[in-house]
PDB file of N, CA and C in Angstrom:
ATOM      1  N   MET A   1      -7.501  56.069   9.602  1.00  0.00           N
ATOM      2  CA  MET A   1      -7.972  55.411  10.799  1.00  0.00           C
ATOM      3  C   MET A   1      -9.498  55.437  10.791  1.00  0.00           C
ATOM      4  N   PRO A   2     -10.146  54.297  10.978  1.00  0.00           N
ATOM      5  CA  PRO A   2     -11.601  54.275  10.933  1.00  0.00           C
ATOM      6  C   PRO A   2     -12.211  54.997  12.124  1.00  0.00           C
ATOM      7  N   ARG A   3     -13.350  55.594  11.872  1.00  0.00           N
ATOM      8  CA  ARG A   3     -14.067  56.335  12.908  1.00  0.00           C
ATOM      9  C   ARG A   3     -14.736  55.363  13.871  1.00  0.00           C
ATOM     10  N   ALA A   4     -14.713  55.693  15.161  1.00  0.00           N
ATOM     11  CA  ALA A   4     -15.347  54.844  16.166  1.00  0.00           C
ATOM     12  C   ALA A   4     -16.850  54.844  15.946  1.00  0.00           C
ATOM     13  N   PRO A   5     -17.489  53.696  16.154  1.00  0.00           N
ATOM     14  CA  PRO A   5     -18.942  53.663  15.986  1.00  0.00           C
ATOM     15  C   PRO A   5     -19.634  54.589  16.988  1.00  0.00           C
ATOM     16  N   THR A   6     -20.692  55.238  16.532  1.00  0.00           N
ATOM     17  CA  THR A   6     -21.407  56.169  17.399  1.00  0.00           C
ATOM     18  C   THR A   6     -22.063  55.450  18.567  1.00  0.00           C
ATOM     19  N   THR A   7     -22.239  54.157  18.449  1.00  0.00           N
ATOM     20  CA  THR A   7     -22.898  53.418  19.517  1.00  0.00           C
ATOM     21  C   THR A   7     -21.985  53.138  20.698  1.00  0.00           C
ATOM     22  N   LEU A   8     -20.711  53.485  20.597  1.00  0.00           N
ATOM     23  CA  LEU A   8     -19.782  53.217  21.682  1.00  0.00           C
ATOM     24  C   LEU A   8     -19.246  54.470  22.358  1.00  0.00           C
ATOM     25  N   ASP A   9     -19.398  55.607  21.727  1.00  0.00           N
ATOM     26  CA  ASP A   9     -18.723  56.811  22.186  1.00  0.00           C
ATOM     27  C   ASP A   9     -19.677  58.007  22.255  1.00  0.00           C
ATOM     28  N   PRO A  10     -19.887  58.572  23.449  1.00  0.00           N
ATOM     29  CA  PRO A  10     -20.763  59.750  23.558  1.00  0.00           C
ATOM     30  C   PRO A  10     -20.302  60.922  22.696  1.00  0.00           C
ATOM     31  N   PHE A  11     -18.995  61.111  22.529  1.00  0.00           N
ATOM     32  CA  PHE A  11     -18.492  62.208  21.702  1.00  0.00           C
ATOM     33  C   PHE A  11     -18.982  62.066  20.266  1.00  0.00           C
ATOM     34  N   ASN A  12     -18.876  60.878  19.721  1.00  0.00           N
ATOM     35  CA  ASN A  12     -19.356  60.647  18.357  1.00  0.00           C
ATOM     36  C   ASN A  12     -20.873  60.741  18.291  1.00  0.00           C
ATOM     37  N   ALA A  13     -21.543  60.281  19.311  1.00  0.00           N
ATOM     38  CA  ALA A  13     -23.009  60.334  19.315  1.00  0.00           C
ATOM     39  C   ALA A  13     -23.510  61.770  19.253  1.00  0.00           C
ATOM     40  N   VAL A  14     -22.891  62.672  20.007  1.00  0.00           N
ATOM     41  CA  VAL A  14     -23.348  64.069  20.002  1.00  0.00           C
ATOM     42  C   VAL A  14     -22.778  64.862  18.832  1.00  0.00           C
ATOM     43  N   ALA A  15     -21.894  64.252  18.059  1.00  0.00           N
ATOM     44  CA  ALA A  15     -21.387  64.928  16.866  1.00  0.00           C
ATOM     45  C   ALA A  15     -22.489  65.086  15.824  1.00  0.00           C
ATOM     46  N   GLU A  16     -23.489  64.249  15.883  1.00  0.00           N
ATOM     47  CA  GLU A  16     -24.627  64.322  14.961  1.00  0.00           C
ATOM     48  C   GLU A  16     -25.581  65.431  15.420  1.00  0.00           C
ATOM     49  N   PRO A  17     -25.770  66.475  14.606  1.00  0.00           N
ATOM     50  CA  PRO A  17     -26.623  67.606  15.015  1.00  0.00           C
ATOM     51  C   PRO A  17     -28.041  67.214  15.417  1.00  0.00           C
ATOM     52  N   LYS A  18     -28.612  66.225  14.761  1.00  0.00           N
ATOM     53  CA  LYS A  18     -29.983  65.820  15.113  1.00  0.00           C
ATOM     54  C   LYS A  18     -30.037  65.211  16.512  1.00  0.00           C
ATOM     55  N   ARG A  19     -29.007  64.491  16.889  1.00  0.00           N
ATOM     56  CA  ARG A  19     -29.001  63.925  18.248  1.00  0.00           C
ATOM     57  C   ARG A  19     -28.837  65.027  19.288  1.00  0.00           C
ATOM     58  N   ARG A  20     -28.118  66.077  18.945  1.00  0.00           N
ATOM     59  CA  ARG A  20     -28.017  67.211  19.869  1.00  0.00           C
ATOM     60  C   ARG A  20     -29.379  67.873  20.053  1.00  0.00           C
ATOM     61  N   LEU A  21     -30.175  67.922  18.994  1.00  0.00           N
ATOM     62  CA  LEU A  21     -31.529  68.474  19.118  1.00  0.00           C
ATOM     63  C   LEU A  21     -32.391  67.612  20.042  1.00  0.00           C
ATOM     64  N   VAL A  22     -32.240  66.306  19.938  1.00  0.00           N
ATOM     65  CA  VAL A  22     -32.968  65.403  20.844  1.00  0.00           C
ATOM     66  C   VAL A  22     -32.554  65.697  22.284  1.00  0.00           C
ATOM     67  N   LEU A  23     -31.261  65.841  22.513  1.00  0.00           N
ATOM     68  CA  LEU A  23     -30.766  66.146  23.862  1.00  0.00           C
ATOM     69  C   LEU A  23     -31.288  67.496  24.344  1.00  0.00           C
ATOM     70  N   ASP A  24     -31.384  68.471  23.447  1.00  0.00           N
ATOM     71  CA  ASP A  24     -31.929  69.785  23.819  1.00  0.00           C
ATOM     72  C   ASP A  24     -33.353  69.658  24.348  1.00  0.00           C
ATOM     73  N   VAL A  25     -34.164  68.871  23.672  1.00  0.00           N
ATOM     74  CA  VAL A  25     -35.552  68.689  24.111  1.00  0.00           C
ATOM     75  C   VAL A  25     -35.579  67.954  25.449  1.00  0.00           C
ATOM     76  N   LEU A  26     -34.773  66.918  25.579  1.00  0.00           N
ATOM     77  CA  LEU A  26     -34.764  66.139  26.823  1.00  0.00           C
ATOM     78  C   LEU A  26     -34.157  66.920  27.987  1.00  0.00           C
ATOM     79  N   ALA A  27     -33.370  67.936  27.702  1.00  0.00           N
ATOM     80  CA  ALA A  27     -32.820  68.769  28.778  1.00  0.00           C
ATOM     81  C   ALA A  27     -33.932  69.527  29.502  1.00  0.00           C
ATOM     82  N   GLN A  28     -35.082  69.669  28.862  1.00  0.00           N
ATOM     83  CA  GLN A  28     -36.231  70.337  29.470  1.00  0.00           C
ATOM     84  C   GLN A  28     -37.022  69.395  30.385  1.00  0.00           C
ATOM     85  N   GLY A  29     -36.724  68.104  30.301  1.00  0.00           N
ATOM     86  CA  GLY A  29     -37.401  67.139  31.159  1.00  0.00           C
ATOM     87  C   GLY A  29     -37.759  65.875  30.404  1.00  0.00           C
ATOM     88  N   GLU A  30     -38.141  64.882  31.165  1.00  0.00           N
ATOM     89  CA  GLU A  30     -38.514  63.588  30.603  1.00  0.00           C
ATOM     90  C   GLU A  30     -39.675  63.745  29.627  1.00  0.00           C
ATOM     91  N   ARG A  31     -39.622  62.984  28.520  1.00  0.00           N
ATOM     92  CA  ARG A  31     -40.660  63.073  27.494  1.00  0.00           C
ATOM     93  C   ARG A  31     -40.999  61.685  26.960  1.00  0.00           C
ATOM     94  N   PRO A  32     -42.277  61.468  26.647  1.00  0.00           N
ATOM     95  CA  PRO A  32     -42.627  60.248  25.919  1.00  0.00           C
ATOM     96  C   PRO A  32     -42.220  60.409  24.454  1.00  0.00           C
ATOM     97  N   VAL A  33     -42.069  59.302  23.772  1.00  0.00           N
ATOM     98  CA  VAL A  33     -41.628  59.341  22.378  1.00  0.00           C
ATOM     99  C   VAL A  33     -42.536  60.226  21.536  1.00  0.00           C
ATOM    100  N   ASN A  34     -43.858  60.105  21.714  1.00  0.00           N
ATOM    101  CA  ASN A  34     -44.757  60.892  20.866  1.00  0.00           C
ATOM    102  C   ASN A  34     -44.580  62.398  21.086  1.00  0.00           C
ATOM    103  N   ALA A  35     -44.219  62.815  22.289  1.00  0.00           N
ATOM    104  CA  ALA A  35     -43.953  64.240  22.540  1.00  0.00           C
ATOM    105  C   ALA A  35     -42.659  64.675  21.847  1.00  0.00           C
ATOM    106  N   LEU A  36     -41.665  63.792  21.807  1.00  0.00           N
ATOM    107  CA  LEU A  36     -40.421  64.100  21.087  1.00  0.00           C
ATOM    108  C   LEU A  36     -40.697  64.232  19.591  1.00  0.00           C
ATOM    109  N   VAL A  37     -41.508  63.317  19.055  1.00  0.00           N
ATOM    110  CA  VAL A  37     -41.869  63.371  17.636  1.00  0.00           C
ATOM    111  C   VAL A  37     -42.556  64.704  17.328  1.00  0.00           C
ATOM    112  N   GLU A  38     -43.466  65.103  18.205  1.00  0.00           N
ATOM    113  CA  GLU A  38     -44.190  66.366  18.015  1.00  0.00           C
ATOM    114  C   GLU A  38     -43.257  67.576  18.127  1.00  0.00           C
ATOM    115  N   SER A  39     -42.396  67.573  19.139  1.00  0.00           N
ATOM    116  CA  SER A  39     -41.472  68.705  19.338  1.00  0.00           C
ATOM    117  C   SER A  39     -40.484  68.849  18.190  1.00  0.00           C
ATOM    118  N   LEU A  40     -39.939  67.736  17.754  1.00  0.00           N
ATOM    119  CA  LEU A  40     -38.900  67.764  16.725  1.00  0.00           C
ATOM    120  C   LEU A  40     -39.472  67.826  15.307  1.00  0.00           C
ATOM    121  N   ARG A  41     -40.747  67.404  15.172  1.00  0.00           N
ATOM    122  CA  ARG A  41     -41.411  67.356  13.860  1.00  0.00           C
ATOM    123  C   ARG A  41     -40.682  66.449  12.881  1.00  0.00           C
ATOM    124  N   TRP A  42     -40.257  65.319  13.402  1.00  0.00           N
ATOM    125  CA  TRP A  42     -39.598  64.290  12.599  1.00  0.00           C
ATOM    126  C   TRP A  42     -40.484  63.054  12.593  1.00  0.00           C
ATOM    127  N   PRO A  43     -40.280  62.176  11.619  1.00  0.00           N
ATOM    128  CA  PRO A  43     -41.008  60.901  11.639  1.00  0.00           C
ATOM    129  C   PRO A  43     -40.588  60.083  12.867  1.00  0.00           C
ATOM    130  N   GLN A  44     -41.515  59.332  13.406  1.00  0.00           N
ATOM    131  CA  GLN A  44     -41.252  58.538  14.613  1.00  0.00           C
ATOM    132  C   GLN A  44     -40.060  57.599  14.451  1.00  0.00           C
ATOM    133  N   PRO A  45     -39.893  56.903  13.303  1.00  0.00           N
ATOM    134  CA  PRO A  45     -38.715  56.025  13.171  1.00  0.00           C
ATOM    135  C   PRO A  45     -37.388  56.780  13.288  1.00  0.00           C
ATOM    136  N   GLN A  46     -37.351  58.006  12.783  1.00  0.00           N
ATOM    137  CA  GLN A  46     -36.124  58.803  12.871  1.00  0.00           C
ATOM    138  C   GLN A  46     -35.822  59.167  14.323  1.00  0.00           C
ATOM    139  N   VAL A  47     -36.841  59.567  15.066  1.00  0.00           N
ATOM    140  CA  VAL A  47     -36.658  59.888  16.484  1.00  0.00           C
ATOM    141  C   VAL A  47     -36.178  58.646  17.228  1.00  0.00           C
ATOM    142  N   SER A  48     -36.817  57.519  16.969  1.00  0.00           N
ATOM    143  CA  SER A  48     -36.443  56.269  17.656  1.00  0.00           C
ATOM    144  C   SER A  48     -35.022  55.848  17.332  1.00  0.00           C
ATOM    145  N   LYS A  49     -34.607  56.043  16.087  1.00  0.00           N
ATOM    146  CA  LYS A  49     -33.227  55.699  15.689  1.00  0.00           C
ATOM    147  C   LYS A  49     -32.223  56.507  16.513  1.00  0.00           C
ATOM    148  N   HIS A  50     -32.442  57.817  16.623  1.00  0.00           N
ATOM    149  CA  HIS A  50     -31.508  58.659  17.365  1.00  0.00           C
ATOM    150  C   HIS A  50     -31.573  58.365  18.864  1.00  0.00           C
ATOM    151  N   LEU A  51     -32.759  58.095  19.375  1.00  0.00           N
ATOM    152  CA  LEU A  51     -32.880  57.720  20.783  1.00  0.00           C
ATOM    153  C   LEU A  51     -32.128  56.423  21.056  1.00  0.00           C
ATOM    154  N   GLY A  52     -32.181  55.495  20.116  1.00  0.00           N
ATOM    155  CA  GLY A  52     -31.462  54.228  20.271  1.00  0.00           C
ATOM    156  C   GLY A  52     -29.967  54.425  20.406  1.00  0.00           C
ATOM    157  N   VAL A  53     -29.409  55.291  19.569  1.00  0.00           N
ATOM    158  CA  VAL A  53     -27.969  55.572  19.637  1.00  0.00           C
ATOM    159  C   VAL A  53     -27.642  56.238  20.975  1.00  0.00           C
ATOM    160  N   LEU A  54     -28.435  57.230  21.349  1.00  0.00           N
ATOM    161  CA  LEU A  54     -28.181  57.943  22.613  1.00  0.00           C
ATOM    162  C   LEU A  54     -28.321  57.007  23.810  1.00  0.00           C
ATOM    163  N   ARG A  55     -29.224  56.068  23.715  1.00  0.00           N
ATOM    164  CA  ARG A  55     -29.398  55.082  24.796  1.00  0.00           C
ATOM    165  C   ARG A  55     -28.196  54.144  24.888  1.00  0.00           C
ATOM    166  N   LYS A  56     -27.697  53.703  23.740  1.00  0.00           N
ATOM    167  CA  LYS A  56     -26.550  52.782  23.737  1.00  0.00           C
ATOM    168  C   LYS A  56     -25.310  53.397  24.377  1.00  0.00           C
ATOM    169  N   VAL A  57     -25.127  54.703  24.209  1.00  0.00           N
ATOM    170  CA  VAL A  57     -23.951  55.351  24.804  1.00  0.00           C
ATOM    171  C   VAL A  57     -24.249  55.853  26.215  1.00  0.00           C
ATOM    172  N   GLY A  58     -25.499  55.689  26.669  1.00  0.00           N
ATOM    173  CA  GLY A  58     -25.855  56.036  28.040  1.00  0.00           C
ATOM    174  C   GLY A  58     -26.276  57.479  28.261  1.00  0.00           C
ATOM    175  N   LEU A  59     -26.416  58.263  27.196  1.00  0.00           N
ATOM    176  CA  LEU A  59     -26.786  59.669  27.369  1.00  0.00           C
ATOM    177  C   LEU A  59     -28.269  59.861  27.677  1.00  0.00           C
ATOM    178  N   VAL A  60     -29.081  58.879  27.333  1.00  0.00           N
ATOM    179  CA  VAL A  60     -30.492  58.908  27.716  1.00  0.00           C
ATOM    180  C   VAL A  60     -30.865  57.553  28.300  1.00  0.00           C
ATOM    181  N   SER A  61     -31.881  57.574  29.125  1.00  0.00           N
ATOM    182  CA  SER A  61     -32.416  56.326  29.651  1.00  0.00           C
ATOM    183  C   SER A  61     -33.911  56.310  29.375  1.00  0.00           C
ATOM    184  N   VAL A  62     -34.477  55.122  29.459  1.00  0.00           N
ATOM    185  CA  VAL A  62     -35.890  54.945  29.128  1.00  0.00           C
ATOM    186  C   VAL A  62     -36.616  54.302  30.299  1.00  0.00           C
ATOM    187  N   ARG A  63     -37.871  54.692  30.456  1.00  0.00           N
ATOM    188  CA  ARG A  63     -38.741  54.141  31.488  1.00  0.00           C
ATOM    189  C   ARG A  63     -40.044  53.783  30.800  1.00  0.00           C
ATOM    190  N   ARG A  64     -40.506  52.571  31.062  1.00  0.00           N
ATOM    191  CA  ARG A  64     -41.759  52.123  30.447  1.00  0.00           C
ATOM    192  C   ARG A  64     -42.910  52.274  31.419  1.00  0.00           C
ATOM    193  N   VAL A  65     -44.001  52.792  30.891  1.00  0.00           N
ATOM    194  CA  VAL A  65     -45.251  52.867  31.633  1.00  0.00           C
ATOM    195  C   VAL A  65     -46.308  52.301  30.697  1.00  0.00           C
ATOM    196  N   GLY A  66     -46.724  51.077  30.957  1.00  0.00           N
ATOM    197  CA  GLY A  66     -47.639  50.407  30.031  1.00  0.00           C
ATOM    198  C   GLY A  66     -46.958  50.231  28.693  1.00  0.00           C
ATOM    199  N   ARG A  67     -47.593  50.739  27.658  1.00  0.00           N
ATOM    200  CA  ARG A  67     -47.027  50.630  26.311  1.00  0.00           C
ATOM    201  C   ARG A  67     -46.195  51.848  25.929  1.00  0.00           C
ATOM    202  N   GLN A  68     -46.190  52.843  26.786  1.00  0.00           N
ATOM    203  CA  GLN A  68     -45.480  54.088  26.478  1.00  0.00           C
ATOM    204  C   GLN A  68     -44.058  54.068  27.046  1.00  0.00           C
ATOM    205  N   ARG A  69     -43.148  54.687  26.310  1.00  0.00           N
ATOM    206  CA  ARG A  69     -41.756  54.812  26.762  1.00  0.00           C
ATOM    207  C   ARG A  69     -41.449  56.274  27.003  1.00  0.00           C
ATOM    208  N   PHE A  70     -40.869  56.541  28.167  1.00  0.00           N
ATOM    209  CA  PHE A  70     -40.474  57.892  28.540  1.00  0.00           C
ATOM    210  C   PHE A  70     -38.950  57.958  28.551  1.00  0.00           C
ATOM    211  N   TYR A  71     -38.419  58.970  27.878  1.00  0.00           N
ATOM    212  CA  TYR A  71     -36.971  59.140  27.794  1.00  0.00           C
ATOM    213  C   TYR A  71     -36.539  60.335  28.627  1.00  0.00           C
ATOM    214  N   ARG A  72     -35.374  60.189  29.250  1.00  0.00           N
ATOM    215  CA  ARG A  72     -34.814  61.292  30.024  1.00  0.00           C
ATOM    216  C   ARG A  72     -33.308  61.349  29.800  1.00  0.00           C
ATOM    217  N   LEU A  73     -32.783  62.535  29.977  1.00  0.00           N
ATOM    218  CA  LEU A  73     -31.366  62.808  29.778  1.00  0.00           C
ATOM    219  C   LEU A  73     -30.569  62.324  30.986  1.00  0.00           C
ATOM    220  N   ASN A  74     -29.434  61.712  30.731  1.00  0.00           N
ATOM    221  CA  ASN A  74     -28.479  61.366  31.780  1.00  0.00           C
ATOM    222  C   ASN A  74     -27.355  62.396  31.708  1.00  0.00           C
ATOM    223  N   GLY A  75     -27.606  63.570  32.272  1.00  0.00           N
ATOM    224  CA  GLY A  75     -26.676  64.678  32.180  1.00  0.00           C
ATOM    225  C   GLY A  75     -25.298  64.382  32.734  1.00  0.00           C
ATOM    226  N   ARG A  76     -25.237  63.509  33.729  1.00  0.00           N
ATOM    227  CA  ARG A  76     -23.945  63.162  34.338  1.00  0.00           C
ATOM    228  C   ARG A  76     -22.974  62.615  33.294  1.00  0.00           C
ATOM    229  N   LEU A  77     -23.508  61.896  32.314  1.00  0.00           N
ATOM    230  CA  LEU A  77     -22.636  61.313  31.293  1.00  0.00           C
ATOM    231  C   LEU A  77     -22.196  62.321  30.236  1.00  0.00           C
ATOM    232  N   LEU A  78     -22.759  63.526  30.286  1.00  0.00           N
ATOM    233  CA  LEU A  78     -22.288  64.597  29.398  1.00  0.00           C
ATOM    234  C   LEU A  78     -21.083  65.316  29.992  1.00  0.00           C
ATOM    235  N   GLN A  79     -20.776  65.054  31.244  1.00  0.00           N
ATOM    236  CA  GLN A  79     -19.695  65.765  31.923  1.00  0.00           C
ATOM    237  C   GLN A  79     -18.344  65.642  31.222  1.00  0.00           C
ATOM    238  N   PRO A  80     -17.944  64.458  30.743  1.00  0.00           N
ATOM    239  CA  PRO A  80     -16.649  64.404  30.042  1.00  0.00           C
ATOM    240  C   PRO A  80     -16.608  65.305  28.804  1.00  0.00           C
ATOM    241  N   ILE A  81     -17.730  65.429  28.115  1.00  0.00           N
ATOM    242  CA  ILE A  81     -17.797  66.312  26.949  1.00  0.00           C
ATOM    243  C   ILE A  81     -17.671  67.757  27.410  1.00  0.00           C
ATOM    244  N   HIS A  82     -18.376  68.109  28.470  1.00  0.00           N
ATOM    245  CA  HIS A  82     -18.306  69.459  29.031  1.00  0.00           C
ATOM    246  C   HIS A  82     -16.881  69.803  29.458  1.00  0.00           C
ATOM    247  N   GLU A  83     -16.236  68.886  30.143  1.00  0.00           N
ATOM    248  CA  GLU A  83     -14.860  69.128  30.613  1.00  0.00           C
ATOM    249  C   GLU A  83     -13.917  69.347  29.434  1.00  0.00           C
ATOM    250  N   TRP A  84     -14.091  68.566  28.378  1.00  0.00           N
ATOM    251  CA  TRP A  84     -13.231  68.716  27.215  1.00  0.00           C
ATOM    252  C   TRP A  84     -13.472  70.066  26.545  1.00  0.00           C
ATOM    253  N   VAL A  85     -14.735  70.444  26.355  1.00  0.00           N
ATOM    254  CA  VAL A  85     -15.067  71.709  25.702  1.00  0.00           C
ATOM    255  C   VAL A  85     -14.555  72.897  26.528  1.00  0.00           C
ATOM    256  N   LYS A  86     -14.603  72.783  27.851  1.00  0.00           N
ATOM    257  CA  LYS A  86     -14.127  73.870  28.720  1.00  0.00           C
ATOM    258  C   LYS A  86     -12.679  74.244  28.444  1.00  0.00           C
ATOM    259  N   THR A  87     -11.880  73.290  27.963  1.00  0.00           N
ATOM    260  CA  THR A  87     -10.474  73.603  27.697  1.00  0.00           C
ATOM    261  C   THR A  87     -10.332  74.648  26.595  1.00  0.00           C
ATOM    262  N   PHE A  88     -11.389  74.851  25.810  1.00  0.00           N
ATOM    263  CA  PHE A  88     -11.349  75.808  24.702  1.00  0.00           C
ATOM    264  C   PHE A  88     -12.069  77.115  25.031  1.00  0.00           C
ATOM    265  N   GLU A  89     -12.590  77.230  26.224  1.00  0.00           N
ATOM    266  CA  GLU A  89     -13.364  78.401  26.616  1.00  0.00           C
ATOM    267  C   GLU A  89     -12.575  79.692  26.459  1.00  0.00           C
ATOM    268  N   ARG A  90     -11.294  79.640  26.730  1.00  0.00           N
ATOM    269  CA  ARG A  90     -10.488  80.861  26.650  1.00  0.00           C
ATOM    270  C   ARG A  90     -10.520  81.477  25.261  1.00  0.00           C
ATOM    271  N   PHE A  91     -10.741  80.675  24.237  1.00  0.00           N
ATOM    272  CA  PHE A  91     -10.769  81.209  22.873  1.00  0.00           C
ATOM    273  C   PHE A  91     -12.009  82.057  22.623  1.00  0.00           C
ATOM    274  N   TRP A  92     -13.169  81.608  23.085  1.00  0.00           N
ATOM    275  CA  TRP A  92     -14.366  82.418  22.852  1.00  0.00           C
ATOM    276  C   TRP A  92     -14.568  83.461  23.928  1.00  0.00           C
ATOM    277  N   ARG A  93     -14.069  83.238  25.135  1.00  0.00           N
ATOM    278  CA  ARG A  93     -14.209  84.235  26.187  1.00  0.00           C
ATOM    279  C   ARG A  93     -13.475  85.515  25.803  1.00  0.00           C
ATOM    280  N   HIS A  94     -12.276  85.378  25.253  1.00  0.00           N
ATOM    281  CA  HIS A  94     -11.499  86.533  24.818  1.00  0.00           C
ATOM    282  C   HIS A  94     -12.282  87.335  23.779  1.00  0.00           C
ATOM    283  N   GLN A  95     -12.895  86.643  22.821  1.00  0.00           N
ATOM    284  CA  GLN A  95     -13.664  87.326  21.784  1.00  0.00           C
ATOM    285  C   GLN A  95     -14.870  88.036  22.384  1.00  0.00           C
ATOM    286  N   LEU A  96     -15.566  87.396  23.319  1.00  0.00           N
ATOM    287  CA  LEU A  96     -16.725  88.020  23.952  1.00  0.00           C
ATOM    288  C   LEU A  96     -16.332  89.266  24.734  1.00  0.00           C
ATOM    289  N   GLU A  97     -15.196  89.214  25.421  1.00  0.00           N
ATOM    290  CA  GLU A  97     -14.729  90.383  26.163  1.00  0.00           C
ATOM    291  C   GLU A  97     -14.421  91.543  25.221  1.00  0.00           C
ATOM    292  N   ARG A  98     -13.849  91.246  24.066  1.00  0.00           N
ATOM    293  CA  ARG A  98     -13.558  92.291  23.076  1.00  0.00           C
ATOM    294  C   ARG A  98     -14.842  92.892  22.527  1.00  0.00           C
ATOM    295  N   ILE A  99     -15.820  92.061  22.242  1.00  0.00           N
ATOM    296  CA  ILE A  99     -17.103  92.545  21.723  1.00  0.00           C
ATOM    297  C   ILE A  99     -17.784  93.430  22.763  1.00  0.00           C
ATOM    298  N   LYS A 100     -17.771  92.994  24.016  1.00  0.00           N
ATOM    299  CA  LYS A 100     -18.392  93.770  25.093  1.00  0.00           C
ATOM    300  C   LYS A 100     -17.707  95.130  25.245  1.00  0.00           C
ATOM    301  N   ALA A 101     -16.380  95.142  25.254  1.00  0.00           N
ATOM    302  CA  ALA A 101     -15.636  96.398  25.414  1.00  0.00           C
ATOM    303  C   ALA A 101     -15.947  97.352  24.263  1.00  0.00           C
ATOM    304  N   ARG A 102     -16.032  96.822  23.066  1.00  0.00           N
ATOM    305  CA  ARG A 102     -16.318  97.672  21.906  1.00  0.00           C
ATOM    306  C   ARG A 102     -17.735  98.241  21.982  1.00  0.00           C
ATOM    307  N   ALA A 103     -18.700  97.411  22.393  1.00  0.00           N
ATOM    308  CA  ALA A 103     -20.086  97.873  22.526  1.00  0.00           C
ATOM    309  C   ALA A 103     -20.185  98.957  23.595  1.00  0.00           C
ATOM    310  N   GLU A 104     -19.480  98.757  24.709  1.00  0.00           N
ATOM    311  CA  GLU A 104     -19.502  99.762  25.779  1.00  0.00           C
ATOM    312  C   GLU A 104     -18.870 101.067  25.309  1.00  0.00           C
ATOM    313  N   GLN A 105     -17.803 100.974  24.549  1.00  0.00           N
ATOM    314  CA  GLN A 105     -17.144 102.172  24.018  1.00  0.00           C
ATOM    315  C   GLN A 105     -18.086 102.925  23.079  1.00  0.00           C
ATOM    316  N   LYS A 106     -18.770 102.199  22.205  1.00  0.00           N
ATOM    317  CA  LYS A 106     -19.708 102.838  21.284  1.00  0.00           C
ATOM    318  C   LYS A 106     -20.864 103.476  22.041  1.00  0.00           C
ATOM    319  N   ALA A 107     -21.328 102.828  23.103  1.00  0.00           N
ATOM    320  CA  ALA A 107     -22.425 103.382  23.907  1.00  0.00           C
ATOM    321  C   ALA A 107     -21.983 104.682  24.568  1.00  0.00           C
ATOM    322  N   ARG A 108     -20.753 104.706  25.081  1.00  0.00           N
ATOM    323  CA  ARG A 108     -20.233 105.937  25.703  1.00  0.00           C
ATOM    324  C   ARG A 108     -20.114 107.052  24.668  1.00  0.00           C
ATOM    325  N   GLN A 109     -19.639 106.709  23.484  1.00  0.00           N
ATOM    326  CA  GLN A 109     -19.509 107.699  22.421  1.00  0.00           C
ATOM    327  C   GLN A 109     -20.875 108.234  22.006  1.00  0.00           C
ATOM    328  N   SER A 110     -21.861 107.358  21.930  1.00  0.00           N
ATOM    329  CA  SER A 110     -23.216 107.782  21.569  1.00  0.00           C
ATOM    330  C   SER A 110     -23.788 108.736  22.581  1.00  0.00           C
ATOM    331  N   LYS A 111     -23.592 108.440  23.849  1.00  0.00           N
ATOM    332  CA  LYS A 111     -24.083 109.323  24.914  1.00  0.00           C
ATOM    333  C   LYS A 111     -23.403 110.670  24.836  1.00  0.00           C
ATOM    334  N   GLY A 112     -22.137 110.682  24.535  1.00  0.00           N
ATOM    335  CA  GLY A 112     -21.385 111.922  24.413  1.00  0.00           C
ATOM    336  C   GLY A 112     -21.897 112.777  23.252  1.00  0.00           C
ATOM    337  N   GLU A 113     -22.278 112.123  22.150  1.00  0.00           N
ATOM    338  CA  GLU A 113     -22.797 112.844  20.985  1.00  0.00           C
ATOM    339  C   GLU A 113     -24.197 113.376  21.262  1.00  0.00           C
ATOM    340  N   GLU A 114     -24.999 112.620  22.031  1.00  0.00           N
ATOM    341  CA  GLU A 114     -26.363 113.047  22.344  1.00  0.00           C
ATOM    342  C   GLU A 114     -26.374 114.300  23.213  1.00  0.00           C
ATOM    343  N   LYS A 115     -25.392 114.464  24.078  1.00  0.00           N
ATOM    344  CA  LYS A 115     -25.337 115.595  24.982  1.00  0.00           C
ATOM    345  C   LYS A 115     -24.979 116.885  24.257  1.00  0.00           C
ATOM    346  N   LYS A 116     -24.301 116.781  23.134  1.00  0.00           N
ATOM    347  CA  LYS A 116     -23.900 117.976  22.384  1.00  0.00           C
ATOM    348  C   LYS A 116     -25.122 118.561  21.693  1.00  0.00           C
ATOM    349  N   PRO A 117     -25.245 119.907  21.673  1.00  0.00           N
ATOM    350  CA  PRO A 117     -26.406 120.566  21.029  1.00  0.00           C
ATOM    351  C   PRO A 117     -26.401 120.434  19.528  1.00  0.00           C
TER     352      PRO A 117
END
């Protein structure tokens, strides 16, 4: 079965690690393209290519001020991805609880050993 084009589906768009990095930067606030290029340390055409895909799926929007373009995250459109990922939370939550319990047990054991002469 052929893969859906990234330009139609936010899930496929965020499957690309570089586009997730763009979203990470935009999660901090609206940025002009040149600030994204500087933050990501990528060539401007590469940044623009990924912004174009994210714009087509609606995850980012653009605002023009003179000749400059400012991009911002449309977090509301990430909600379906968040809802889907939440269904798997129980798998990592269980592991985190086990790690925490083990760390607490080791800390208690360490304190017990420190008290002994």
